[in-house]
Amino acid sequence: MTNKSFGSLGFAACITAVFLYAGIHDAFAKLNVVTTLPSLGALAAEIGGERIQTTVLVNPAEDPHYVDPRPNIVLTLSNADVVIVNGLELEVGWLPKLLVSARNTEIQVAAKGYIDASVVVAKLEVGASGADRRGGDIHVAGNPHYLYDPRNAAKVVGYVAERLSAIDPGGASVYAANGRRLALALNNFAAAQMRRFLAVDASKRKVITYHRSLSYLTDWLQITTVGTIEPKPGIAPDPGHVAMTLSAMKSQQCRTIVHEKYYPTATGATLAKLAGANVVLFSGGPNTAGQQTYLQHMQDLTDQLYESFVTQ
């Protein structure tokens, strides 16, 4: 065989190896899924399993309304195959510009890789304060904090599994099976917690929150919200409003203040001292860096809240 023949065979072998490697790489490459919230990230990770790589943009210690538009977020979005957002304008103050800057056509609004989880949930407080934003940080399309109700999380799981299956048909059976299992666990958890909380006298199931972020949780567990530390969403408390809140706590015998750790704690601590109330502080989502699941996070939250009610 001539050197020319060996050269031709060698070239052909190299080409074959390149295509073979590309095929193997494509077969095992994970779908790059980016989520805005840690709760969405935790749910997506359970749905996708080994088929996806999940990155969360907002950590549990951050207020998702106000996120620093860091350059690394643009890089993360530029490499994403899928982005899953909370929607209902929760991320409107920071995400749209970052999506544009990422220049990734696969994840722009209305693209195949853009998933708005809010489309499948029943919204609370739609247009509750009208369209006039002088009334505070108003979400006229509805309260965006729907993931504090695991029944909504179950709906989101089904929708995300469906969308991931369309994007990655090869993993459809995995997404469907994981989605069904997780949705069942979420609905079972929701029902069990409802039974537990309804066994507590309604006179004790009362709370003060900082922001109007727990409406879905209080609706789910039939808890009365006596008031909020903010006079209006996104507006810092003033002395007059704090005095009114204290009066309401005393007159309605509300003994629990509950809110996310990223909100200021001083006013709540003062109210608790004056009203003889418990303060329940919790993170804004699962610690996905520590592999905490959505259900583990919600178990922690409901356990703290239940303990506050039954120890009054």
C-alpha atoms as a PDB file:
ATOM      1  CA  MET A   1       0.000   0.000   0.000  1.00  0.00           C
ATOM      2  CA  THR A   2       1.374   3.418  -0.919  1.00  0.00           C
ATOM      3  CA  ASN A   3       1.989   6.292   1.471  1.00  0.00           C
ATOM      4  CA  LYS A   4      -0.778   8.109  -0.373  1.00  0.00           C
ATOM      5  CA  SER A   5      -3.197   5.296   0.464  1.00  0.00           C
ATOM      6  CA  PHE A   6      -2.159   5.343   4.115  1.00  0.00           C
ATOM      7  CA  GLY A   7      -2.661   9.108   4.150  1.00  0.00           C
ATOM      8  CA  SER A   8      -6.153   8.787   2.713  1.00  0.00           C
ATOM      9  CA  LEU A   9      -7.077   6.091   5.209  1.00  0.00           C
ATOM     10  CA  GLY A  10      -5.684   8.137   8.079  1.00  0.00           C
ATOM     11  CA  PHE A  11      -7.662  11.200   7.021  1.00  0.00           C
ATOM     12  CA  ALA A  12     -10.847   9.155   6.714  1.00  0.00           C
ATOM     13  CA  ALA A  13     -10.270   7.628  10.143  1.00  0.00           C
ATOM     14  CA  CYS A  14      -9.816  11.071  11.679  1.00  0.00           C
ATOM     15  CA  ILE A  15     -13.034  12.349  10.104  1.00  0.00           C
ATOM     16  CA  THR A  16     -14.904   9.266  11.331  1.00  0.00           C
ATOM     17  CA  ALA A  17     -13.531   9.744  14.842  1.00  0.00           C
ATOM     18  CA  VAL A  18     -14.587  13.394  14.879  1.00  0.00           C
ATOM     19  CA  PHE A  19     -18.164  12.557  13.896  1.00  0.00           C
ATOM     20  CA  LEU A  20     -18.238   9.633  16.319  1.00  0.00           C
ATOM     21  CA  TYR A  21     -17.088  11.882  19.168  1.00  0.00           C
ATOM     22  CA  ALA A  22     -19.648  14.517  18.221  1.00  0.00           C
ATOM     23  CA  GLY A  23     -22.403  11.919  18.296  1.00  0.00           C
ATOM     24  CA  ILE A  24     -21.326  10.589  21.682  1.00  0.00           C
ATOM     25  CA  HIS A  25     -20.984  14.135  23.061  1.00  0.00           C
ATOM     26  CA  ASP A  26     -24.457  15.102  21.841  1.00  0.00           C
ATOM     27  CA  ALA A  27     -25.913  11.920  23.287  1.00  0.00           C
ATOM     28  CA  PHE A  28     -24.535  12.637  26.748  1.00  0.00           C
ATOM     29  CA  ALA A  29     -24.510  16.449  26.819  1.00  0.00           C
ATOM     30  CA  LYS A  30     -26.757  17.788  29.569  1.00  0.00           C
ATOM     31  CA  LEU A  31     -29.424  20.381  28.907  1.00  0.00           C
ATOM     32  CA  ASN A  32     -28.253  23.665  30.421  1.00  0.00           C
ATOM     33  CA  VAL A  33     -31.232  24.933  32.446  1.00  0.00           C
ATOM     34  CA  VAL A  34     -31.115  28.329  34.170  1.00  0.00           C
ATOM     35  CA  THR A  35     -33.789  29.374  36.667  1.00  0.00           C
ATOM     36  CA  THR A  36     -34.330  32.719  38.327  1.00  0.00           C
ATOM     37  CA  LEU A  37     -35.493  31.464  41.732  1.00  0.00           C
ATOM     38  CA  PRO A  38     -34.048  28.745  43.977  1.00  0.00           C
ATOM     39  CA  SER A  39     -37.478  27.094  44.282  1.00  0.00           C
ATOM     40  CA  LEU A  40     -37.684  26.797  40.501  1.00  0.00           C
ATOM     41  CA  GLY A  41     -34.132  25.471  40.403  1.00  0.00           C
ATOM     42  CA  ALA A  42     -34.836  22.824  43.018  1.00  0.00           C
ATOM     43  CA  LEU A  43     -37.980  21.673  41.204  1.00  0.00           C
ATOM     44  CA  ALA A  44     -36.249  21.638  37.807  1.00  0.00           C
ATOM     45  CA  ALA A  45     -33.362  19.582  39.186  1.00  0.00           C
ATOM     46  CA  GLU A  46     -35.761  16.893  40.397  1.00  0.00           C
ATOM     47  CA  ILE A  47     -37.626  16.840  37.095  1.00  0.00           C
ATOM     48  CA  GLY A  48     -34.515  16.700  34.929  1.00  0.00           C
ATOM     49  CA  GLY A  49     -32.351  14.429  37.017  1.00  0.00           C
ATOM     50  CA  GLU A  50     -29.115  13.503  35.252  1.00  0.00           C
ATOM     51  CA  ARG A  51     -30.278  14.920  31.929  1.00  0.00           C
ATOM     52  CA  ILE A  52     -29.938  18.565  32.942  1.00  0.00           C
ATOM     53  CA  GLN A  53     -27.479  20.938  34.559  1.00  0.00           C
ATOM     54  CA  THR A  54     -29.269  23.531  36.688  1.00  0.00           C
ATOM     55  CA  THR A  55     -28.016  27.027  37.527  1.00  0.00           C
ATOM     56  CA  VAL A  56     -29.953  29.375  39.834  1.00  0.00           C
ATOM     57  CA  LEU A  57     -29.544  33.138  39.406  1.00  0.00           C
ATOM     58  CA  VAL A  58     -31.003  34.352  42.722  1.00  0.00           C
ATOM     59  CA  ASN A  59     -29.764  32.939  46.008  1.00  0.00           C
ATOM     60  CA  PRO A  60     -32.149  32.411  48.954  1.00  0.00           C
ATOM     61  CA  ALA A  61     -30.713  35.412  50.806  1.00  0.00           C
ATOM     62  CA  GLU A  62     -31.621  37.832  47.980  1.00  0.00           C
ATOM     63  CA  ASP A  63     -34.894  39.656  47.440  1.00  0.00           C
ATOM     64  CA  PRO A  64     -35.892  38.512  43.924  1.00  0.00           C
ATOM     65  CA  HIS A  65     -37.483  41.887  43.213  1.00  0.00           C
ATOM     66  CA  TYR A  66     -34.081  43.568  43.388  1.00  0.00           C
ATOM     67  CA  VAL A  67     -31.135  41.634  41.988  1.00  0.00           C
ATOM     68  CA  ASP A  68     -27.766  43.141  41.154  1.00  0.00           C
ATOM     69  CA  PRO A  69     -27.333  42.715  37.346  1.00  0.00           C
ATOM     70  CA  ARG A  70     -23.945  41.028  37.655  1.00  0.00           C
ATOM     71  CA  PRO A  71     -21.893  40.367  34.472  1.00  0.00           C
ATOM     72  CA  ASN A  72     -21.645  36.669  35.316  1.00  0.00           C
ATOM     73  CA  ILE A  73     -25.439  36.414  34.958  1.00  0.00           C
ATOM     74  CA  VAL A  74     -25.150  37.555  31.337  1.00  0.00           C
ATOM     75  CA  LEU A  75     -22.538  34.860  30.700  1.00  0.00           C
ATOM     76  CA  THR A  76     -24.722  32.232  32.346  1.00  0.00           C
ATOM     77  CA  LEU A  77     -27.723  33.224  30.230  1.00  0.00           C
ATOM     78  CA  SER A  78     -25.657  33.304  27.046  1.00  0.00           C
ATOM     79  CA  ASN A  79     -24.847  29.601  27.527  1.00  0.00           C
ATOM     80  CA  ALA A  80     -28.345  28.494  28.549  1.00  0.00           C
ATOM     81  CA  ASP A  81     -30.537  26.106  26.573  1.00  0.00           C
ATOM     82  CA  VAL A  82     -33.541  26.886  28.775  1.00  0.00           C
ATOM     83  CA  VAL A  83     -34.478  29.663  31.183  1.00  0.00           C
ATOM     84  CA  ILE A  84     -37.327  29.166  33.666  1.00  0.00           C
ATOM     85  CA  VAL A  85     -38.747  32.359  35.152  1.00  0.00           C
ATOM     86  CA  ASN A  86     -41.263  33.018  37.913  1.00  0.00           C
ATOM     87  CA  GLY A  87     -43.095  35.648  35.857  1.00  0.00           C
ATOM     88  CA  LEU A  88     -45.862  37.994  37.004  1.00  0.00           C
ATOM     89  CA  GLU A  89     -43.298  40.824  36.875  1.00  0.00           C
ATOM     90  CA  LEU A  90     -41.295  39.489  39.824  1.00  0.00           C
ATOM     91  CA  GLU A  91     -38.055  39.739  37.816  1.00  0.00           C
ATOM     92  CA  VAL A  92     -39.075  42.742  35.713  1.00  0.00           C
ATOM     93  CA  GLY A  93     -36.584  45.075  37.396  1.00  0.00           C
ATOM     94  CA  TRP A  94     -33.497  43.157  36.292  1.00  0.00           C
ATOM     95  CA  LEU A  95     -34.052  40.143  34.015  1.00  0.00           C
ATOM     96  CA  PRO A  96     -35.263  41.666  30.699  1.00  0.00           C
ATOM     97  CA  LYS A  97     -32.103  43.724  30.136  1.00  0.00           C
ATOM     98  CA  LEU A  98     -29.898  40.773  31.029  1.00  0.00           C
ATOM     99  CA  LEU A  99     -31.709  38.544  28.529  1.00  0.00           C
ATOM    100  CA  VAL A 100     -31.114  41.107  25.800  1.00  0.00           C
ATOM    101  CA  SER A 101     -27.459  41.456  26.766  1.00  0.00           C
ATOM    102  CA  ALA A 102     -27.009  37.669  26.645  1.00  0.00           C
ATOM    103  CA  ARG A 103     -27.862  37.645  22.904  1.00  0.00           C
ATOM    104  CA  ASN A 104     -29.108  34.076  23.153  1.00  0.00           C
ATOM    105  CA  THR A 105     -32.027  33.656  20.759  1.00  0.00           C
ATOM    106  CA  GLU A 106     -32.996  30.321  22.333  1.00  0.00           C
ATOM    107  CA  ILE A 107     -34.151  31.882  25.618  1.00  0.00           C
ATOM    108  CA  GLN A 108     -35.715  35.191  24.636  1.00  0.00           C
ATOM    109  CA  VAL A 109     -39.344  35.810  25.597  1.00  0.00           C
ATOM    110  CA  ALA A 110     -41.650  33.557  23.513  1.00  0.00           C
ATOM    111  CA  ALA A 111     -38.719  31.418  22.311  1.00  0.00           C
ATOM    112  CA  LYS A 112     -38.838  27.651  22.767  1.00  0.00           C
ATOM    113  CA  GLY A 113     -36.344  27.763  25.623  1.00  0.00           C
ATOM    114  CA  TYR A 114     -38.163  30.484  27.603  1.00  0.00           C
ATOM    115  CA  ILE A 115     -40.489  28.997  30.228  1.00  0.00           C
ATOM    116  CA  ASP A 116     -42.742  31.273  32.301  1.00  0.00           C
ATOM    117  CA  ALA A 117     -43.891  29.063  35.168  1.00  0.00           C
ATOM    118  CA  SER A 118     -46.718  31.405  36.170  1.00  0.00           C
ATOM    119  CA  VAL A 119     -48.922  30.577  33.181  1.00  0.00           C
ATOM    120  CA  VAL A 120     -50.348  27.449  34.835  1.00  0.00           C
ATOM    121  CA  VAL A 121     -51.211  28.771  38.298  1.00  0.00           C
ATOM    122  CA  ALA A 122     -54.372  30.462  39.568  1.00  0.00           C
ATOM    123  CA  LYS A 123     -53.370  33.995  40.553  1.00  0.00           C
ATOM    124  CA  LEU A 124     -54.315  35.796  43.737  1.00  0.00           C
ATOM    125  CA  GLU A 125     -54.714  39.566  44.105  1.00  0.00           C
ATOM    126  CA  VAL A 126     -55.004  40.228  40.376  1.00  0.00           C
ATOM    127  CA  GLY A 127     -55.232  44.000  39.974  1.00  0.00           C
ATOM    128  CA  ALA A 128     -55.801  44.216  43.739  1.00  0.00           C
ATOM    129  CA  SER A 129     -54.412  47.719  43.950  1.00  0.00           C
ATOM    130  CA  GLY A 130     -55.226  48.823  40.435  1.00  0.00           C
ATOM    131  CA  ALA A 131     -52.671  49.897  37.866  1.00  0.00           C
ATOM    132  CA  ASP A 132     -51.438  52.944  39.788  1.00  0.00           C
ATOM    133  CA  ARG A 133     -47.889  52.148  40.939  1.00  0.00           C
ATOM    134  CA  ARG A 134     -47.948  55.062  43.355  1.00  0.00           C
ATOM    135  CA  GLY A 135     -49.620  52.480  45.578  1.00  0.00           C
ATOM    136  CA  GLY A 136     -46.261  50.748  45.986  1.00  0.00           C
ATOM    137  CA  ASP A 137     -44.585  47.798  44.296  1.00  0.00           C
ATOM    138  CA  ILE A 138     -47.754  46.574  42.600  1.00  0.00           C
ATOM    139  CA  HIS A 139     -47.979  43.449  40.411  1.00  0.00           C
ATOM    140  CA  VAL A 140     -51.204  44.093  38.522  1.00  0.00           C
ATOM    141  CA  ALA A 141     -51.189  40.651  36.866  1.00  0.00           C
ATOM    142  CA  GLY A 142     -51.353  39.000  40.270  1.00  0.00           C
ATOM    143  CA  ASN A 143     -49.284  38.268  43.350  1.00  0.00           C
ATOM    144  CA  PRO A 144     -46.072  36.620  42.046  1.00  0.00           C
ATOM    145  CA  HIS A 145     -45.197  34.590  45.155  1.00  0.00           C
ATOM    146  CA  TYR A 146     -47.238  31.547  44.150  1.00  0.00           C
ATOM    147  CA  LEU A 147     -44.528  28.993  44.965  1.00  0.00           C
ATOM    148  CA  TYR A 148     -45.333  29.286  48.675  1.00  0.00           C
ATOM    149  CA  ASP A 149     -48.231  26.950  47.892  1.00  0.00           C
ATOM    150  CA  PRO A 150     -47.022  23.436  46.941  1.00  0.00           C
ATOM    151  CA  ARG A 151     -50.231  22.855  45.009  1.00  0.00           C
ATOM    152  CA  ASN A 152     -49.048  25.541  42.625  1.00  0.00           C
ATOM    153  CA  ALA A 153     -45.592  23.996  42.603  1.00  0.00           C
ATOM    154  CA  ALA A 154     -47.201  20.721  41.482  1.00  0.00           C
ATOM    155  CA  LYS A 155     -48.814  22.500  38.527  1.00  0.00           C
ATOM    156  CA  VAL A 156     -45.501  24.115  37.647  1.00  0.00           C
ATOM    157  CA  VAL A 157     -43.777  20.725  37.747  1.00  0.00           C
ATOM    158  CA  GLY A 158     -46.201  19.269  35.215  1.00  0.00           C
ATOM    159  CA  TYR A 159     -45.782  22.240  32.904  1.00  0.00           C
ATOM    160  CA  VAL A 160     -41.986  22.299  33.108  1.00  0.00           C
ATOM    161  CA  ALA A 161     -41.811  18.544  32.466  1.00  0.00           C
ATOM    162  CA  GLU A 162     -43.961  19.032  29.378  1.00  0.00           C
ATOM    163  CA  ARG A 163     -41.834  21.900  28.076  1.00  0.00           C
ATOM    164  CA  LEU A 164     -38.538  20.114  28.708  1.00  0.00           C
ATOM    165  CA  SER A 165     -39.890  17.091  26.838  1.00  0.00           C
ATOM    166  CA  ALA A 166     -40.575  19.282  23.802  1.00  0.00           C
ATOM    167  CA  ILE A 167     -37.072  20.760  23.938  1.00  0.00           C
ATOM    168  CA  ASP A 168     -35.336  17.428  24.611  1.00  0.00           C
ATOM    169  CA  PRO A 169     -37.567  14.649  23.202  1.00  0.00           C
ATOM    170  CA  GLY A 170     -34.973  12.017  24.043  1.00  0.00           C
ATOM    171  CA  GLY A 171     -35.572  12.664  27.715  1.00  0.00           C
ATOM    172  CA  ALA A 172     -39.364  12.873  27.553  1.00  0.00           C
ATOM    173  CA  SER A 173     -39.948   9.641  29.461  1.00  0.00           C
ATOM    174  CA  VAL A 174     -37.556  10.754  32.223  1.00  0.00           C
ATOM    175  CA  TYR A 175     -39.158  14.181  32.546  1.00  0.00           C
ATOM    176  CA  ALA A 176     -42.672  12.732  32.564  1.00  0.00           C
ATOM    177  CA  ALA A 177     -41.914  10.065  35.177  1.00  0.00           C
ATOM    178  CA  ASN A 178     -40.023  12.429  37.467  1.00  0.00           C
ATOM    179  CA  GLY A 179     -42.689  15.083  37.032  1.00  0.00           C
ATOM    180  CA  ARG A 180     -45.521  12.720  37.969  1.00  0.00           C
ATOM    181  CA  ARG A 181     -43.665  11.458  41.027  1.00  0.00           C
ATOM    182  CA  LEU A 182     -42.790  14.955  42.228  1.00  0.00           C
ATOM    183  CA  ALA A 183     -46.258  16.412  41.595  1.00  0.00           C
ATOM    184  CA  LEU A 184     -47.811  13.583  43.613  1.00  0.00           C
ATOM    185  CA  ALA A 185     -45.406  14.200  46.495  1.00  0.00           C
ATOM    186  CA  LEU A 186     -46.168  17.926  46.422  1.00  0.00           C
ATOM    187  CA  ASN A 187     -49.931  17.436  46.478  1.00  0.00           C
ATOM    188  CA  ASN A 188     -49.668  14.847  49.259  1.00  0.00           C
ATOM    189  CA  PHE A 189     -47.527  17.241  51.295  1.00  0.00           C
ATOM    190  CA  ALA A 190     -50.016  20.060  50.725  1.00  0.00           C
ATOM    191  CA  ALA A 191     -52.918  17.919  51.923  1.00  0.00           C
ATOM    192  CA  ALA A 192     -51.043  16.678  54.999  1.00  0.00           C
ATOM    193  CA  GLN A 193     -50.060  20.189  56.053  1.00  0.00           C
ATOM    194  CA  MET A 194     -53.610  21.437  55.573  1.00  0.00           C
ATOM    195  CA  ARG A 195     -54.855  18.760  57.965  1.00  0.00           C
ATOM    196  CA  ARG A 196     -52.153  19.620  60.491  1.00  0.00           C
ATOM    197  CA  PHE A 197     -52.821  23.358  60.455  1.00  0.00           C
ATOM    198  CA  LEU A 198     -56.601  23.094  60.459  1.00  0.00           C
ATOM    199  CA  ALA A 199     -56.311  21.124  63.690  1.00  0.00           C
ATOM    200  CA  VAL A 200     -54.958  24.313  65.300  1.00  0.00           C
ATOM    201  CA  ASP A 201     -57.620  26.703  66.595  1.00  0.00           C
ATOM    202  CA  ALA A 202     -58.324  29.484  64.097  1.00  0.00           C
ATOM    203  CA  SER A 203     -57.731  32.081  66.813  1.00  0.00           C
ATOM    204  CA  LYS A 204     -54.053  31.111  66.769  1.00  0.00           C
ATOM    205  CA  ARG A 205     -53.701  30.924  62.994  1.00  0.00           C
ATOM    206  CA  LYS A 206     -52.973  34.621  62.586  1.00  0.00           C
ATOM    207  CA  VAL A 207     -49.859  36.338  61.269  1.00  0.00           C
ATOM    208  CA  ILE A 208     -48.213  39.632  60.486  1.00  0.00           C
ATOM    209  CA  THR A 209     -45.969  39.503  57.408  1.00  0.00           C
ATOM    210  CA  TYR A 210     -43.391  42.003  56.200  1.00  0.00           C
ATOM    211  CA  HIS A 211     -44.275  42.043  52.496  1.00  0.00           C
ATOM    212  CA  ARG A 212     -47.388  40.662  50.849  1.00  0.00           C
ATOM    213  CA  SER A 213     -45.393  37.589  49.858  1.00  0.00           C
ATOM    214  CA  LEU A 214     -47.214  34.890  51.821  1.00  0.00           C
ATOM    215  CA  SER A 215     -50.717  35.284  50.405  1.00  0.00           C
ATOM    216  CA  TYR A 216     -50.604  31.879  48.719  1.00  0.00           C
ATOM    217  CA  LEU A 217     -49.324  30.187  51.871  1.00  0.00           C
ATOM    218  CA  THR A 218     -51.988  31.773  54.076  1.00  0.00           C
ATOM    219  CA  ASP A 219     -54.673  30.876  51.525  1.00  0.00           C
ATOM    220  CA  TRP A 220     -53.475  27.267  51.418  1.00  0.00           C
ATOM    221  CA  LEU A 221     -53.266  26.815  55.209  1.00  0.00           C
ATOM    222  CA  GLN A 222     -56.259  29.063  56.006  1.00  0.00           C
ATOM    223  CA  ILE A 223     -54.228  31.522  58.058  1.00  0.00           C
ATOM    224  CA  THR A 224     -55.508  35.044  58.719  1.00  0.00           C
ATOM    225  CA  THR A 225     -53.153  37.870  57.761  1.00  0.00           C
ATOM    226  CA  VAL A 226     -53.741  40.639  60.302  1.00  0.00           C
ATOM    227  CA  GLY A 227     -51.447  43.097  58.537  1.00  0.00           C
ATOM    228  CA  THR A 228     -48.078  43.779  56.944  1.00  0.00           C
ATOM    229  CA  ILE A 229     -45.077  45.645  58.312  1.00  0.00           C
ATOM    230  CA  GLU A 230     -44.830  47.503  54.999  1.00  0.00           C
ATOM    231  CA  PRO A 231     -47.617  50.102  54.665  1.00  0.00           C
ATOM    232  CA  LYS A 232     -47.645  49.325  50.932  1.00  0.00           C
ATOM    233  CA  PRO A 233     -45.660  46.745  48.941  1.00  0.00           C
ATOM    234  CA  GLY A 234     -42.063  47.904  48.615  1.00  0.00           C
ATOM    235  CA  ILE A 235     -42.546  50.923  50.924  1.00  0.00           C
ATOM    236  CA  ALA A 236     -40.550  51.020  54.189  1.00  0.00           C
ATOM    237  CA  PRO A 237     -42.591  51.169  57.421  1.00  0.00           C
ATOM    238  CA  ASP A 238     -43.189  54.543  59.069  1.00  0.00           C
ATOM    239  CA  PRO A 239     -43.946  55.137  62.781  1.00  0.00           C
ATOM    240  CA  GLY A 240     -47.641  55.725  62.195  1.00  0.00           C
ATOM    241  CA  HIS A 241     -48.098  52.461  60.316  1.00  0.00           C
ATOM    242  CA  VAL A 242     -46.063  50.542  62.891  1.00  0.00           C
ATOM    243  CA  ALA A 243     -48.326  51.886  65.649  1.00  0.00           C
ATOM    244  CA  MET A 244     -51.418  50.802  63.706  1.00  0.00           C
ATOM    245  CA  THR A 245     -49.931  47.350  63.173  1.00  0.00           C
ATOM    246  CA  LEU A 246     -49.177  46.971  66.873  1.00  0.00           C
ATOM    247  CA  SER A 247     -52.726  47.992  67.734  1.00  0.00           C
ATOM    248  CA  ALA A 248     -54.108  45.414  65.294  1.00  0.00           C
ATOM    249  CA  MET A 249     -51.881  42.695  66.743  1.00  0.00           C
ATOM    250  CA  LYS A 250     -53.097  43.412  70.255  1.00  0.00           C
ATOM    251  CA  SER A 251     -56.769  43.755  69.403  1.00  0.00           C
ATOM    252  CA  GLN A 252     -56.807  40.585  67.274  1.00  0.00           C
ATOM    253  CA  GLN A 253     -54.429  38.662  69.530  1.00  0.00           C
ATOM    254  CA  CYS A 254     -51.959  37.937  66.748  1.00  0.00           C
ATOM    255  CA  ARG A 255     -48.861  36.268  68.185  1.00  0.00           C
ATOM    256  CA  THR A 256     -46.798  35.432  65.085  1.00  0.00           C
ATOM    257  CA  ILE A 257     -44.698  37.601  62.785  1.00  0.00           C
ATOM    258  CA  VAL A 258     -43.349  35.727  59.764  1.00  0.00           C
ATOM    259  CA  HIS A 259     -41.219  36.808  56.824  1.00  0.00           C
ATOM    260  CA  GLU A 260     -38.191  36.065  54.679  1.00  0.00           C
ATOM    261  CA  LYS A 261     -34.750  36.692  56.169  1.00  0.00           C
ATOM    262  CA  TYR A 262     -33.825  39.161  53.432  1.00  0.00           C
ATOM    263  CA  TYR A 263     -36.311  41.726  54.752  1.00  0.00           C
ATOM    264  CA  PRO A 264     -35.241  44.093  57.580  1.00  0.00           C
ATOM    265  CA  THR A 265     -35.814  42.516  60.981  1.00  0.00           C
ATOM    266  CA  ALA A 266     -35.702  45.464  63.409  1.00  0.00           C
ATOM    267  CA  THR A 267     -39.356  46.528  63.130  1.00  0.00           C
ATOM    268  CA  GLY A 268     -40.610  42.974  63.443  1.00  0.00           C
ATOM    269  CA  ALA A 269     -38.474  42.401  66.525  1.00  0.00           C
ATOM    270  CA  THR A 270     -39.858  45.562  68.135  1.00  0.00           C
ATOM    271  CA  LEU A 271     -43.458  44.605  67.366  1.00  0.00           C
ATOM    272  CA  ALA A 272     -42.884  41.102  68.705  1.00  0.00           C
ATOM    273  CA  LYS A 273     -41.499  42.454  71.972  1.00  0.00           C
ATOM    274  CA  LEU A 274     -44.375  44.882  72.464  1.00  0.00           C
ATOM    275  CA  ALA A 275     -47.094  42.413  71.466  1.00  0.00           C
ATOM    276  CA  GLY A 276     -45.602  39.295  73.040  1.00  0.00           C
ATOM    277  CA  ALA A 277     -45.317  37.567  69.671  1.00  0.00           C
ATOM    278  CA  ASN A 278     -43.014  34.989  68.087  1.00  0.00           C
ATOM    279  CA  VAL A 279     -40.881  35.875  65.072  1.00  0.00           C
ATOM    280  CA  VAL A 280     -40.507  33.242  62.342  1.00  0.00           C
ATOM    281  CA  LEU A 281     -37.747  33.982  59.834  1.00  0.00           C
ATOM    282  CA  PHE A 282     -37.047  31.751  56.851  1.00  0.00           C
ATOM    283  CA  SER A 283     -34.872  31.759  53.746  1.00  0.00           C
ATOM    284  CA  GLY A 284     -36.296  32.867  50.424  1.00  0.00           C
ATOM    285  CA  GLY A 285     -36.050  29.407  48.906  1.00  0.00           C
ATOM    286  CA  PRO A 286     -34.230  26.082  49.114  1.00  0.00           C
ATOM    287  CA  ASN A 287     -30.486  26.060  49.612  1.00  0.00           C
ATOM    288  CA  THR A 288     -29.817  24.500  46.217  1.00  0.00           C
ATOM    289  CA  ALA A 289     -26.056  24.805  46.726  1.00  0.00           C
ATOM    290  CA  GLY A 290     -26.513  22.411  49.638  1.00  0.00           C
ATOM    291  CA  GLN A 291     -28.835  20.135  47.621  1.00  0.00           C
ATOM    292  CA  GLN A 292     -31.909  21.111  49.655  1.00  0.00           C
ATOM    293  CA  THR A 293     -35.125  20.231  47.855  1.00  0.00           C
ATOM    294  CA  TYR A 294     -38.225  22.370  47.535  1.00  0.00           C
ATOM    295  CA  LEU A 295     -40.158  20.014  49.823  1.00  0.00           C
ATOM    296  CA  GLN A 296     -37.444  20.123  52.478  1.00  0.00           C
ATOM    297  CA  HIS A 297     -37.546  23.914  52.390  1.00  0.00           C
ATOM    298  CA  MET A 298     -41.331  23.978  52.699  1.00  0.00           C
ATOM    299  CA  GLN A 299     -41.209  21.422  55.506  1.00  0.00           C
ATOM    300  CA  ASP A 300     -38.837  23.692  57.434  1.00  0.00           C
ATOM    301  CA  LEU A 301     -41.082  26.714  56.880  1.00  0.00           C
ATOM    302  CA  THR A 302     -44.315  24.999  57.875  1.00  0.00           C
ATOM    303  CA  ASP A 303     -42.691  23.383  60.912  1.00  0.00           C
ATOM    304  CA  GLN A 304     -41.523  26.771  62.206  1.00  0.00           C
ATOM    305  CA  LEU A 305     -44.919  28.328  61.609  1.00  0.00           C
ATOM    306  CA  TYR A 306     -46.795  25.457  63.229  1.00  0.00           C
ATOM    307  CA  GLU A 307     -44.518  25.594  66.275  1.00  0.00           C
ATOM    308  CA  SER A 308     -45.235  29.308  66.662  1.00  0.00           C
ATOM    309  CA  PHE A 309     -48.986  28.709  66.589  1.00  0.00           C
ATOM    310  CA  VAL A 310     -49.108  25.822  69.047  1.00  0.00           C
ATOM    311  CA  THR A 311     -46.766  27.416  71.608  1.00  0.00           C
ATOM    312  CA  GLN A 312     -48.868  30.558  72.079  1.00  0.00           C
END
